[in-house]
C-alpha atoms as a PDB file:
ATOM      1  CA  MET A   1     -15.697 -21.422  99.790  1.00  0.00           C
ATOM      2  CA  SER A   2     -12.017 -22.299 100.122  1.00  0.00           C
ATOM      3  CA  GLY A   3     -12.680 -25.733  98.578  1.00  0.00           C
ATOM      4  CA  ALA A   4     -14.256 -24.101  95.518  1.00  0.00           C
ATOM      5  CA  ALA A   5     -11.381 -21.673  95.270  1.00  0.00           C
ATOM      6  CA  SER A   6      -8.790 -24.418  95.519  1.00  0.00           C
ATOM      7  CA  GLY A   7     -10.539 -26.442  92.821  1.00  0.00           C
ATOM      8  CA  SER A   8     -11.047 -23.516  90.430  1.00  0.00           C
ATOM      9  CA  PRO A   9      -7.502 -23.538  88.946  1.00  0.00           C
ATOM     10  CA  TRP A  10      -8.205 -26.991  87.481  1.00  0.00           C
ATOM     11  CA  ARG A  11     -11.549 -26.032  85.950  1.00  0.00           C
ATOM     12  CA  GLY A  12      -9.964 -24.724  82.749  1.00  0.00           C
ATOM     13  CA  PRO A  13      -7.678 -27.757  82.209  1.00  0.00           C
ATOM     14  CA  ALA A  14     -10.572 -30.145  82.968  1.00  0.00           C
ATOM     15  CA  ARG A  15     -12.726 -28.400  80.374  1.00  0.00           C
ATOM     16  CA  LEU A  16      -9.943 -28.642  77.774  1.00  0.00           C
ATOM     17  CA  VAL A  17      -9.350 -32.329  78.534  1.00  0.00           C
ATOM     18  CA  ALA A  18     -13.078 -33.036  78.194  1.00  0.00           C
ATOM     19  CA  LYS A  19     -13.076 -31.216  74.868  1.00  0.00           C
ATOM     20  CA  ARG A  20     -10.104 -33.314  73.676  1.00  0.00           C
ATOM     21  CA  ILE A  21     -11.924 -36.512  74.663  1.00  0.00           C
ATOM     22  CA  GLY A  22     -15.003 -35.418  72.725  1.00  0.00           C
ATOM     23  CA  LEU A  23     -12.898 -34.584  69.666  1.00  0.00           C
ATOM     24  CA  ALA A  24     -11.197 -37.984  69.919  1.00  0.00           C
ATOM     25  CA  PHE A  25     -14.567 -39.765  69.833  1.00  0.00           C
ATOM     26  CA  ILE A  26     -15.709 -37.685  66.857  1.00  0.00           C
ATOM     27  CA  THR A  27     -12.436 -38.415  65.060  1.00  0.00           C
ATOM     28  CA  LEU A  28     -12.798 -42.124  65.761  1.00  0.00           C
ATOM     29  CA  LEU A  29     -16.322 -42.046  64.337  1.00  0.00           C
ATOM     30  CA  LEU A  30     -15.085 -40.354  61.157  1.00  0.00           C
ATOM     31  CA  VAL A  31     -12.212 -42.827  60.946  1.00  0.00           C
ATOM     32  CA  SER A  32     -14.661 -45.721  61.189  1.00  0.00           C
ATOM     33  CA  ALA A  33     -16.498 -44.411  58.116  1.00  0.00           C
ATOM     34  CA  VAL A  34     -13.211 -44.033  56.231  1.00  0.00           C
ATOM     35  CA  VAL A  35     -12.041 -47.536  57.222  1.00  0.00           C
ATOM     36  CA  PHE A  36     -15.351 -49.106  56.173  1.00  0.00           C
ATOM     37  CA  THR A  37     -15.386 -47.217  52.866  1.00  0.00           C
ATOM     38  CA  ILE A  38     -11.788 -47.942  51.912  1.00  0.00           C
ATOM     39  CA  SER A  39     -12.038 -51.623  52.830  1.00  0.00           C
ATOM     40  CA  GLY A  40     -15.113 -51.842  50.606  1.00  0.00           C
ATOM     41  CA  LEU A  41     -13.155 -50.378  47.679  1.00  0.00           C
ATOM     42  CA  LEU A  42     -10.673 -53.265  47.638  1.00  0.00           C
ATOM     43  CA  PRO A  43     -10.973 -55.335  44.445  1.00  0.00           C
ATOM     44  CA  GLY A  44     -12.829 -58.621  44.882  1.00  0.00           C
ATOM     45  CA  ASP A  45     -14.494 -59.790  48.075  1.00  0.00           C
ATOM     46  CA  ALA A  46     -14.496 -62.681  50.511  1.00  0.00           C
ATOM     47  CA  ALA A  47     -17.013 -64.696  48.457  1.00  0.00           C
ATOM     48  CA  GLN A  48     -14.765 -64.615  45.416  1.00  0.00           C
ATOM     49  CA  GLU A  49     -11.695 -65.427  47.487  1.00  0.00           C
ATOM     50  CA  LEU A  50     -13.402 -68.390  49.163  1.00  0.00           C
ATOM     51  CA  LEU A  51     -14.765 -69.905  45.922  1.00  0.00           C
ATOM     52  CA  GLY A  52     -11.629 -69.289  43.863  1.00  0.00           C
ATOM     53  CA  GLN A  53     -11.172 -68.386  40.225  1.00  0.00           C
ATOM     54  CA  GLY A  54     -13.195 -71.340  38.915  1.00  0.00           C
ATOM     55  CA  ALA A  55     -16.475 -70.245  40.487  1.00  0.00           C
ATOM     56  CA  THR A  56     -19.335 -69.128  38.286  1.00  0.00           C
ATOM     57  CA  PRO A  57     -20.969 -65.698  38.718  1.00  0.00           C
ATOM     58  CA  GLU A  58     -24.121 -67.413  39.997  1.00  0.00           C
ATOM     59  CA  GLN A  59     -22.176 -69.229  42.723  1.00  0.00           C
ATOM     60  CA  ILE A  60     -20.430 -66.031  43.751  1.00  0.00           C
ATOM     61  CA  ALA A  61     -23.718 -64.119  43.826  1.00  0.00           C
ATOM     62  CA  ALA A  62     -25.372 -66.839  45.935  1.00  0.00           C
ATOM     63  CA  LEU A  63     -22.525 -66.848  48.461  1.00  0.00           C
ATOM     64  CA  ARG A  64     -22.491 -63.041  48.587  1.00  0.00           C
ATOM     65  CA  HIS A  65     -26.208 -63.096  49.354  1.00  0.00           C
ATOM     66  CA  GLU A  66     -25.686 -65.721  52.050  1.00  0.00           C
ATOM     67  CA  MET A  67     -22.907 -63.631  53.624  1.00  0.00           C
ATOM     68  CA  GLY A  68     -24.937 -60.423  53.393  1.00  0.00           C
ATOM     69  CA  LEU A  69     -22.430 -58.723  51.099  1.00  0.00           C
ATOM     70  CA  ASP A  70     -25.116 -57.707  48.592  1.00  0.00           C
ATOM     71  CA  ARG A  71     -26.910 -55.400  51.019  1.00  0.00           C
ATOM     72  CA  PRO A  72     -26.459 -51.594  50.717  1.00  0.00           C
ATOM     73  CA  ALA A  73     -23.139 -50.340  52.112  1.00  0.00           C
ATOM     74  CA  VAL A  74     -24.874 -47.793  54.386  1.00  0.00           C
ATOM     75  CA  VAL A  75     -26.939 -50.523  56.037  1.00  0.00           C
ATOM     76  CA  ARG A  76     -23.892 -52.738  56.531  1.00  0.00           C
ATOM     77  CA  TYR A  77     -21.890 -49.781  57.937  1.00  0.00           C
ATOM     78  CA  PHE A  78     -24.421 -48.865  60.625  1.00  0.00           C
ATOM     79  CA  GLU A  79     -24.919 -52.507  61.590  1.00  0.00           C
ATOM     80  CA  TRP A  80     -21.151 -52.900  61.881  1.00  0.00           C
ATOM     81  CA  LEU A  81     -20.812 -49.633  63.834  1.00  0.00           C
ATOM     82  CA  ARG A  82     -23.525 -50.694  66.280  1.00  0.00           C
ATOM     83  CA  ALA A  83     -21.800 -54.050  66.798  1.00  0.00           C
ATOM     84  CA  ILE A  84     -18.402 -52.358  67.281  1.00  0.00           C
ATOM     85  CA  ALA A  85     -19.920 -50.010  69.883  1.00  0.00           C
ATOM     86  CA  VAL A  86     -21.006 -52.981  72.023  1.00  0.00           C
ATOM     87  CA  GLY A  87     -17.668 -54.767  71.578  1.00  0.00           C
ATOM     88  CA  ASP A  88     -18.753 -57.318  68.964  1.00  0.00           C
ATOM     89  CA  PRO A  89     -16.778 -56.899  65.710  1.00  0.00           C
ATOM     90  CA  GLY A  90     -18.543 -59.909  64.202  1.00  0.00           C
ATOM     91  CA  ASN A  91     -17.248 -63.183  62.786  1.00  0.00           C
ATOM     92  CA  SER A  92     -14.299 -63.734  60.522  1.00  0.00           C
ATOM     93  CA  ILE A  93     -15.570 -64.657  57.067  1.00  0.00           C
ATOM     94  CA  VAL A  94     -12.559 -66.843  56.271  1.00  0.00           C
ATOM     95  CA  ALA A  95     -11.821 -68.446  59.658  1.00  0.00           C
ATOM     96  CA  ASN A  96     -15.536 -68.700  60.591  1.00  0.00           C
ATOM     97  CA  LYS A  97     -14.873 -67.748  64.210  1.00  0.00           C
ATOM     98  CA  PRO A  98     -15.404 -64.555  66.265  1.00  0.00           C
ATOM     99  CA  VAL A  99     -13.093 -61.709  65.307  1.00  0.00           C
ATOM    100  CA  ALA A 100     -12.703 -60.821  68.991  1.00  0.00           C
ATOM    101  CA  GLU A 101     -11.325 -64.304  69.669  1.00  0.00           C
ATOM    102  CA  ILE A 102      -8.808 -64.056  66.815  1.00  0.00           C
ATOM    103  CA  ILE A 103      -7.670 -60.601  67.917  1.00  0.00           C
ATOM    104  CA  SER A 104      -7.387 -61.644  71.571  1.00  0.00           C
ATOM    105  CA  GLU A 105      -4.821 -64.256  70.497  1.00  0.00           C
ATOM    106  CA  ARG A 106      -2.692 -61.728  68.604  1.00  0.00           C
ATOM    107  CA  LEU A 107      -3.106 -58.459  70.508  1.00  0.00           C
ATOM    108  CA  PRO A 108      -0.917 -59.464  73.516  1.00  0.00           C
ATOM    109  CA  ASN A 109       1.938 -60.237  71.108  1.00  0.00           C
ATOM    110  CA  THR A 110       1.711 -56.804  69.490  1.00  0.00           C
ATOM    111  CA  LEU A 111       1.479 -55.081  72.891  1.00  0.00           C
ATOM    112  CA  THR A 112       4.537 -57.020  74.082  1.00  0.00           C
ATOM    113  CA  LEU A 113       6.543 -55.998  71.020  1.00  0.00           C
ATOM    114  CA  ALA A 114       5.445 -52.363  71.332  1.00  0.00           C
ATOM    115  CA  GLY A 115       6.164 -52.309  75.079  1.00  0.00           C
ATOM    116  CA  LEU A 116       9.657 -53.798  74.693  1.00  0.00           C
ATOM    117  CA  THR A 117      10.446 -51.378  71.873  1.00  0.00           C
ATOM    118  CA  THR A 118       9.304 -48.446  74.026  1.00  0.00           C
ATOM    119  CA  VAL A 119      11.419 -49.548  76.991  1.00  0.00           C
ATOM    120  CA  PHE A 120      14.414 -50.009  74.685  1.00  0.00           C
ATOM    121  CA  SER A 121      13.993 -46.845  72.613  1.00  0.00           C
ATOM    122  CA  VAL A 122      12.866 -44.051  74.937  1.00  0.00           C
ATOM    123  CA  PRO A 123      16.000 -43.930  77.163  1.00  0.00           C
ATOM    124  CA  PHE A 124      18.279 -43.864  74.099  1.00  0.00           C
ATOM    125  CA  ALA A 125      16.133 -41.155  72.487  1.00  0.00           C
ATOM    126  CA  PHE A 126      16.301 -38.977  75.618  1.00  0.00           C
ATOM    127  CA  LEU A 127      20.064 -39.488  75.842  1.00  0.00           C
ATOM    128  CA  ILE A 128      20.588 -38.528  72.196  1.00  0.00           C
ATOM    129  CA  GLY A 129      18.157 -35.608  72.320  1.00  0.00           C
ATOM    130  CA  ILE A 130      19.564 -34.086  75.511  1.00  0.00           C
ATOM    131  CA  TRP A 131      23.190 -34.634  74.508  1.00  0.00           C
ATOM    132  CA  SER A 132      22.604 -33.130  71.079  1.00  0.00           C
ATOM    133  CA  ALA A 133      20.791 -30.105  72.530  1.00  0.00           C
ATOM    134  CA  VAL A 134      23.440 -29.431  75.161  1.00  0.00           C
ATOM    135  CA  THR A 135      26.248 -29.626  72.573  1.00  0.00           C
ATOM    136  CA  ARG A 136      24.318 -27.594  69.992  1.00  0.00           C
ATOM    137  CA  GLY A 137      26.467 -26.468  67.059  1.00  0.00           C
ATOM    138  CA  ARG A 138      29.471 -28.601  68.070  1.00  0.00           C
ATOM    139  CA  SER A 139      30.893 -31.618  66.301  1.00  0.00           C
ATOM    140  CA  THR A 140      29.004 -33.999  68.635  1.00  0.00           C
ATOM    141  CA  ASP A 141      25.698 -32.366  67.758  1.00  0.00           C
ATOM    142  CA  ARG A 142      26.445 -32.513  64.027  1.00  0.00           C
ATOM    143  CA  ALA A 143      27.445 -36.187  64.259  1.00  0.00           C
ATOM    144  CA  LEU A 144      24.278 -37.070  66.184  1.00  0.00           C
ATOM    145  CA  ASN A 145      22.125 -35.133  63.705  1.00  0.00           C
ATOM    146  CA  ILE A 146      23.661 -36.987  60.753  1.00  0.00           C
ATOM    147  CA  MET A 147      23.229 -40.318  62.530  1.00  0.00           C
ATOM    148  CA  THR A 148      19.560 -39.744  63.443  1.00  0.00           C
ATOM    149  CA  LEU A 149      18.774 -38.369  59.979  1.00  0.00           C
ATOM    150  CA  ALA A 150      20.251 -41.510  58.419  1.00  0.00           C
ATOM    151  CA  MET A 151      18.256 -43.686  60.831  1.00  0.00           C
ATOM    152  CA  VAL A 152      15.017 -41.904  59.903  1.00  0.00           C
ATOM    153  CA  ALA A 153      15.754 -42.246  56.186  1.00  0.00           C
ATOM    154  CA  LEU A 154      16.364 -46.015  56.342  1.00  0.00           C
ATOM    155  CA  PRO A 155      13.164 -47.990  55.600  1.00  0.00           C
ATOM    156  CA  GLU A 156      12.247 -50.768  58.027  1.00  0.00           C
ATOM    157  CA  PHE A 157      12.538 -53.548  55.454  1.00  0.00           C
ATOM    158  CA  LEU A 158      16.125 -52.515  54.673  1.00  0.00           C
ATOM    159  CA  VAL A 159      17.108 -52.355  58.350  1.00  0.00           C
ATOM    160  CA  ALA A 160      15.439 -55.744  58.927  1.00  0.00           C
ATOM    161  CA  THR A 161      17.209 -57.303  55.931  1.00  0.00           C
ATOM    162  CA  ILE A 162      20.604 -56.023  57.083  1.00  0.00           C
ATOM    163  CA  ALA A 163      19.936 -57.253  60.634  1.00  0.00           C
ATOM    164  CA  VAL A 164      19.034 -60.731  59.368  1.00  0.00           C
ATOM    165  CA  LEU A 165      22.142 -60.900  57.152  1.00  0.00           C
ATOM    166  CA  VAL A 166      24.452 -59.778  59.963  1.00  0.00           C
ATOM    167  CA  PHE A 167      23.034 -61.373  63.114  1.00  0.00           C
ATOM    168  CA  SER A 168      21.372 -64.494  61.674  1.00  0.00           C
ATOM    169  CA  VAL A 169      23.302 -65.436  58.542  1.00  0.00           C
ATOM    170  CA  LYS A 170      26.809 -64.148  59.262  1.00  0.00           C
ATOM    171  CA  LEU A 171      27.196 -64.252  63.051  1.00  0.00           C
ATOM    172  CA  LEU A 172      24.525 -66.893  63.824  1.00  0.00           C
ATOM    173  CA  TRP A 173      23.622 -65.041  67.033  1.00  0.00           C
ATOM    174  CA  LEU A 174      19.870 -64.495  66.594  1.00  0.00           C
ATOM    175  CA  PRO A 175      17.018 -66.374  64.883  1.00  0.00           C
ATOM    176  CA  SER A 176      15.672 -64.902  61.654  1.00  0.00           C
ATOM    177  CA  ILE A 177      12.093 -65.879  62.606  1.00  0.00           C
ATOM    178  CA  THR A 178      10.559 -64.720  65.873  1.00  0.00           C
ATOM    179  CA  ILE A 179       9.251 -67.809  67.653  1.00  0.00           C
ATOM    180  CA  VAL A 180       8.665 -67.434  71.384  1.00  0.00           C
ATOM    181  CA  PRO A 181       8.421 -70.751  73.315  1.00  0.00           C
ATOM    182  CA  GLN A 182       5.533 -71.392  75.696  1.00  0.00           C
ATOM    183  CA  ASP A 183       7.569 -70.948  78.889  1.00  0.00           C
ATOM    184  CA  PRO A 184      10.740 -69.225  77.679  1.00  0.00           C
ATOM    185  CA  THR A 185      13.770 -68.558  79.799  1.00  0.00           C
ATOM    186  CA  LEU A 186      15.037 -64.991  79.962  1.00  0.00           C
ATOM    187  CA  GLY A 187      17.706 -65.795  77.371  1.00  0.00           C
ATOM    188  CA  GLU A 188      15.213 -67.357  74.950  1.00  0.00           C
ATOM    189  CA  PHE A 189      12.844 -64.430  75.413  1.00  0.00           C
ATOM    190  CA  LEU A 190      15.547 -61.833  74.711  1.00  0.00           C
ATOM    191  CA  ARG A 191      16.900 -63.730  71.678  1.00  0.00           C
ATOM    192  CA  ALA A 192      13.423 -64.043  70.183  1.00  0.00           C
ATOM    193  CA  TYR A 193      12.612 -60.344  70.508  1.00  0.00           C
ATOM    194  CA  ALA A 194      16.073 -58.873  69.929  1.00  0.00           C
ATOM    195  CA  MET A 195      15.869 -58.233  66.180  1.00  0.00           C
ATOM    196  CA  PRO A 196      12.238 -57.045  65.914  1.00  0.00           C
ATOM    197  CA  VAL A 197      12.764 -54.642  68.826  1.00  0.00           C
ATOM    198  CA  MET A 198      16.061 -53.422  67.374  1.00  0.00           C
ATOM    199  CA  VAL A 199      14.582 -52.806  63.907  1.00  0.00           C
ATOM    200  CA  LEU A 200      11.529 -50.968  65.274  1.00  0.00           C
ATOM    201  CA  GLY A 201      13.688 -49.088  67.762  1.00  0.00           C
ATOM    202  CA  VAL A 202      15.883 -47.566  65.049  1.00  0.00           C
ATOM    203  CA  GLY A 203      13.074 -45.383  63.741  1.00  0.00           C
ATOM    204  CA  VAL A 204      11.648 -44.526  67.173  1.00  0.00           C
ATOM    205  CA  ILE A 205      15.031 -43.516  68.610  1.00  0.00           C
ATOM    206  CA  ALA A 206      15.834 -41.315  65.625  1.00  0.00           C
ATOM    207  CA  GLN A 207      12.467 -39.548  65.404  1.00  0.00           C
ATOM    208  CA  LEU A 208      11.979 -39.084  69.134  1.00  0.00           C
ATOM    209  CA  GLY A 209      15.586 -38.044  69.689  1.00  0.00           C
ATOM    210  CA  ARG A 210      15.348 -35.276  67.087  1.00  0.00           C
ATOM    211  CA  MET A 211      12.061 -33.966  68.499  1.00  0.00           C
ATOM    212  CA  ILE A 212      13.382 -34.018  72.080  1.00  0.00           C
ATOM    213  CA  ARG A 213      16.413 -32.060  70.893  1.00  0.00           C
ATOM    214  CA  ALA A 214      14.159 -29.411  69.311  1.00  0.00           C
ATOM    215  CA  ALA A 215      11.997 -29.141  72.468  1.00  0.00           C
ATOM    216  CA  ILE A 216      15.000 -28.753  74.774  1.00  0.00           C
ATOM    217  CA  ILE A 217      16.698 -26.207  72.511  1.00  0.00           C
ATOM    218  CA  ALA A 218      13.494 -24.137  72.527  1.00  0.00           C
ATOM    219  CA  GLU A 219      13.608 -24.093  76.336  1.00  0.00           C
ATOM    220  CA  LEU A 220      17.362 -23.380  76.491  1.00  0.00           C
ATOM    221  CA  ASP A 221      16.776 -20.183  74.517  1.00  0.00           C
ATOM    222  CA  ARG A 222      14.341 -18.792  77.128  1.00  0.00           C
ATOM    223  CA  PRO A 223      15.360 -15.977  79.522  1.00  0.00           C
ATOM    224  CA  TYR A 224      14.948 -18.043  82.703  1.00  0.00           C
ATOM    225  CA  VAL A 225      17.735 -20.384  81.529  1.00  0.00           C
ATOM    226  CA  GLU A 226      20.157 -17.478  81.128  1.00  0.00           C
ATOM    227  CA  MET A 227      19.173 -16.206  84.588  1.00  0.00           C
ATOM    228  CA  ALA A 228      19.745 -19.649  86.115  1.00  0.00           C
ATOM    229  CA  ARG A 229      23.196 -19.835  84.520  1.00  0.00           C
ATOM    230  CA  LEU A 230      24.095 -16.396  85.885  1.00  0.00           C
ATOM    231  CA  LYS A 231      23.132 -17.686  89.335  1.00  0.00           C
ATOM    232  CA  GLY A 232      25.591 -20.557  88.953  1.00  0.00           C
ATOM    233  CA  VAL A 233      23.178 -23.434  88.382  1.00  0.00           C
ATOM    234  CA  SER A 234      25.020 -26.425  86.974  1.00  0.00           C
ATOM    235  CA  GLN A 235      24.198 -27.754  83.512  1.00  0.00           C
ATOM    236  CA  ALA A 236      22.881 -31.086  84.803  1.00  0.00           C
ATOM    237  CA  ARG A 237      20.658 -29.433  87.426  1.00  0.00           C
ATOM    238  CA  LEU A 238      19.443 -26.899  84.868  1.00  0.00           C
ATOM    239  CA  ILE A 239      18.368 -29.637  82.463  1.00  0.00           C
ATOM    240  CA  VAL A 240      16.790 -31.953  85.053  1.00  0.00           C
ATOM    241  CA  ARG A 241      15.117 -29.440  87.383  1.00  0.00           C
ATOM    242  CA  HIS A 242      14.139 -26.647  84.974  1.00  0.00           C
ATOM    243  CA  VAL A 243      14.316 -27.452  81.257  1.00  0.00           C
ATOM    244  CA  LEU A 244      12.777 -30.937  81.179  1.00  0.00           C
ATOM    245  CA  PRO A 245       9.751 -30.053  83.390  1.00  0.00           C
ATOM    246  CA  ASN A 246       8.996 -27.030  81.186  1.00  0.00           C
ATOM    247  CA  ALA A 247       9.383 -29.117  78.019  1.00  0.00           C
ATOM    248  CA  VAL A 248       6.967 -31.832  79.196  1.00  0.00           C
ATOM    249  CA  GLY A 249       4.206 -30.753  76.785  1.00  0.00           C
ATOM    250  CA  PRO A 250       6.259 -30.814  73.555  1.00  0.00           C
ATOM    251  CA  ILE A 251       8.092 -33.972  74.627  1.00  0.00           C
ATOM    252  CA  ALA A 252       4.802 -35.758  75.406  1.00  0.00           C
ATOM    253  CA  ASN A 253       3.502 -34.906  71.932  1.00  0.00           C
ATOM    254  CA  ALA A 254       6.795 -36.051  70.414  1.00  0.00           C
ATOM    255  CA  MET A 255       6.546 -39.363  72.259  1.00  0.00           C
ATOM    256  CA  ALA A 256       2.951 -39.864  71.078  1.00  0.00           C
ATOM    257  CA  LEU A 257       3.927 -39.276  67.452  1.00  0.00           C
ATOM    258  CA  SER A 258       7.026 -41.463  67.677  1.00  0.00           C
ATOM    259  CA  LEU A 259       5.339 -44.351  69.483  1.00  0.00           C
ATOM    260  CA  SER A 260       2.446 -44.280  67.019  1.00  0.00           C
ATOM    261  CA  TYR A 261       5.104 -45.085  64.411  1.00  0.00           C
ATOM    262  CA  LEU A 262       5.316 -48.516  66.033  1.00  0.00           C
ATOM    263  CA  PHE A 263       1.934 -49.434  64.555  1.00  0.00           C
ATOM    264  CA  GLY A 264       2.966 -48.568  61.000  1.00  0.00           C
ATOM    265  CA  GLY A 265       6.442 -50.042  61.260  1.00  0.00           C
ATOM    266  CA  ALA A 266       5.137 -53.175  62.970  1.00  0.00           C
ATOM    267  CA  ILE A 267       3.362 -54.238  59.762  1.00  0.00           C
ATOM    268  CA  ILE A 268       6.666 -54.619  57.922  1.00  0.00           C
ATOM    269  CA  VAL A 269       8.598 -56.009  60.886  1.00  0.00           C
ATOM    270  CA  GLU A 270       5.958 -58.593  61.821  1.00  0.00           C
ATOM    271  CA  THR A 271       5.772 -59.728  58.202  1.00  0.00           C
ATOM    272  CA  ILE A 272       9.546 -60.065  57.752  1.00  0.00           C
ATOM    273  CA  PHE A 273      10.121 -61.882  61.040  1.00  0.00           C
ATOM    274  CA  SER A 274       6.892 -63.938  60.805  1.00  0.00           C
ATOM    275  CA  TYR A 275       5.827 -62.519  64.149  1.00  0.00           C
ATOM    276  CA  PRO A 276       2.251 -63.481  65.106  1.00  0.00           C
ATOM    277  CA  GLY A 277       1.028 -59.990  65.893  1.00  0.00           C
ATOM    278  CA  LEU A 278      -1.930 -57.819  64.990  1.00  0.00           C
ATOM    279  CA  ALA A 279      -0.211 -56.100  62.061  1.00  0.00           C
ATOM    280  CA  SER A 280       0.549 -59.335  60.213  1.00  0.00           C
ATOM    281  CA  LEU A 281      -3.011 -60.454  60.959  1.00  0.00           C
ATOM    282  CA  MET A 282      -4.306 -57.341  59.211  1.00  0.00           C
ATOM    283  CA  VAL A 283      -2.090 -58.058  56.190  1.00  0.00           C
ATOM    284  CA  ASN A 284      -3.554 -61.565  55.994  1.00  0.00           C
ATOM    285  CA  ALA A 285      -7.063 -60.112  56.267  1.00  0.00           C
ATOM    286  CA  VAL A 286      -6.374 -57.799  53.317  1.00  0.00           C
ATOM    287  CA  THR A 287      -5.112 -60.735  51.241  1.00  0.00           C
ATOM    288  CA  SER A 288      -8.157 -62.889  52.005  1.00  0.00           C
ATOM    289  CA  ARG A 289     -10.631 -59.955  51.841  1.00  0.00           C
ATOM    290  CA  ASP A 290     -11.797 -60.811  55.354  1.00  0.00           C
ATOM    291  CA  MET A 291     -13.511 -57.456  55.903  1.00  0.00           C
ATOM    292  CA  PRO A 292     -14.719 -57.869  59.517  1.00  0.00           C
ATOM    293  CA  LEU A 293     -11.220 -58.841  60.624  1.00  0.00           C
ATOM    294  CA  LEU A 294      -9.563 -56.120  58.533  1.00  0.00           C
ATOM    295  CA  GLN A 295     -11.899 -53.416  59.800  1.00  0.00           C
ATOM    296  CA  ALA A 296     -11.479 -54.478  63.438  1.00  0.00           C
ATOM    297  CA  CYS A 297      -7.665 -54.427  63.171  1.00  0.00           C
ATOM    298  CA  ALA A 298      -7.691 -51.035  61.467  1.00  0.00           C
ATOM    299  CA  MET A 299      -9.977 -49.592  64.150  1.00  0.00           C
ATOM    300  CA  ILE A 300      -7.690 -50.889  66.908  1.00  0.00           C
ATOM    301  CA  PHE A 301      -4.669 -49.216  65.315  1.00  0.00           C
ATOM    302  CA  CYS A 302      -6.560 -45.940  64.842  1.00  0.00           C
ATOM    303  CA  ALA A 303      -7.929 -46.029  68.396  1.00  0.00           C
ATOM    304  CA  ALA A 304      -4.442 -46.691  69.789  1.00  0.00           C
ATOM    305  CA  TYR A 305      -3.048 -43.718  67.871  1.00  0.00           C
ATOM    306  CA  LEU A 306      -5.850 -41.434  69.084  1.00  0.00           C
ATOM    307  CA  LEU A 307      -5.322 -42.648  72.648  1.00  0.00           C
ATOM    308  CA  LEU A 308      -1.614 -41.779  72.489  1.00  0.00           C
ATOM    309  CA  VAL A 309      -2.403 -38.317  71.126  1.00  0.00           C
ATOM    310  CA  LEU A 310      -5.107 -37.816  73.780  1.00  0.00           C
ATOM    311  CA  ILE A 311      -2.692 -38.764  76.574  1.00  0.00           C
ATOM    312  CA  ALA A 312      -0.057 -36.404  75.151  1.00  0.00           C
ATOM    313  CA  ASP A 313      -2.565 -33.536  74.906  1.00  0.00           C
ATOM    314  CA  THR A 314      -3.737 -34.170  78.471  1.00  0.00           C
ATOM    315  CA  VAL A 315      -0.162 -34.139  79.779  1.00  0.00           C
ATOM    316  CA  ALA A 316       0.574 -30.930  77.869  1.00  0.00           C
ATOM    317  CA  ILE A 317      -2.576 -29.252  79.245  1.00  0.00           C
ATOM    318  CA  LEU A 318      -1.940 -30.296  82.854  1.00  0.00           C
ATOM    319  CA  ALA A 319       1.736 -29.285  82.597  1.00  0.00           C
ATOM    320  CA  ASN A 320       0.876 -25.761  81.405  1.00  0.00           C
ATOM    321  CA  PRO A 321       1.032 -23.461  84.469  1.00  0.00           C
ATOM    322  CA  ARG A 322      -0.821 -20.647  82.683  1.00  0.00           C
ATOM    323  CA  LEU A 323      -3.924 -22.850  82.359  1.00  0.00           C
ATOM    324  CA  ARG A 324      -3.772 -23.842  86.033  1.00  0.00           C
ATOM    325  CA  GLN A 325      -3.505 -20.168  87.016  1.00  0.00           C
ATOM    326  CA  GLY A 326      -6.673 -19.340  85.036  1.00  0.00           C
END
């Protein structure tokens, strides 16, 4: 009886988390249909790209038939969806090798870049967000708001171009192309990743910092904060022990939205710095009309975004004391 009673406070949160997981799967299914449809609307196809401009319509039609591109789109979609469900995204039309093998070579590079950018950006974003919230309305807060707004407004290609001109061309400190040796030393590793991480980090720091500021300010305006101040609680203790734990939900959602930006920004950054990641692979797949590879990359990006949002929702649900109290 006591075991059932002790477990009952988590029944509501568990039900909400299960509902979020179900919604994530439904969303991913809808996204798969959108990805397949949009990729099919691209002008030209792999047969035309492979044969070139000099091919006759008969040659193109024969190759399309051989590749199965002349079958109804609905049939091809469900076959592709069934293959994706069992972990087989098919073969690359251009490279003539399994898509899973191509992605497995690139995915660790993208995860490394995203992980390094997260480690670099999140502490700075928390520092800026907390500092700006604590000094709300003062000159420091206004300066930080202007700085983060400017950082958000700057497009990645402009930040990357400026970084290359300053650190590669002018100062000769960092390479303009990201090439990581097989067994790099710590110095070689940091030099190779410095500029891509810095360029991606600019947007993450600015966006996340502004959202953390808004979440903390919302908590600072609550009655319990005023009561804690009247009791003599220091500012640092108030932020660390009271405000941040109560702002976990909004901050988790802010982190999910900001870190999902890495996938969009990585396309430009990987292209500019010739970084062999998943985003540049997807760009190449669009150029060559390699639909299986393009669709697999797009699904990975969408699934990663949904996973971040799902984790943020789960954290927000579990951190809500009202749900745990029934």
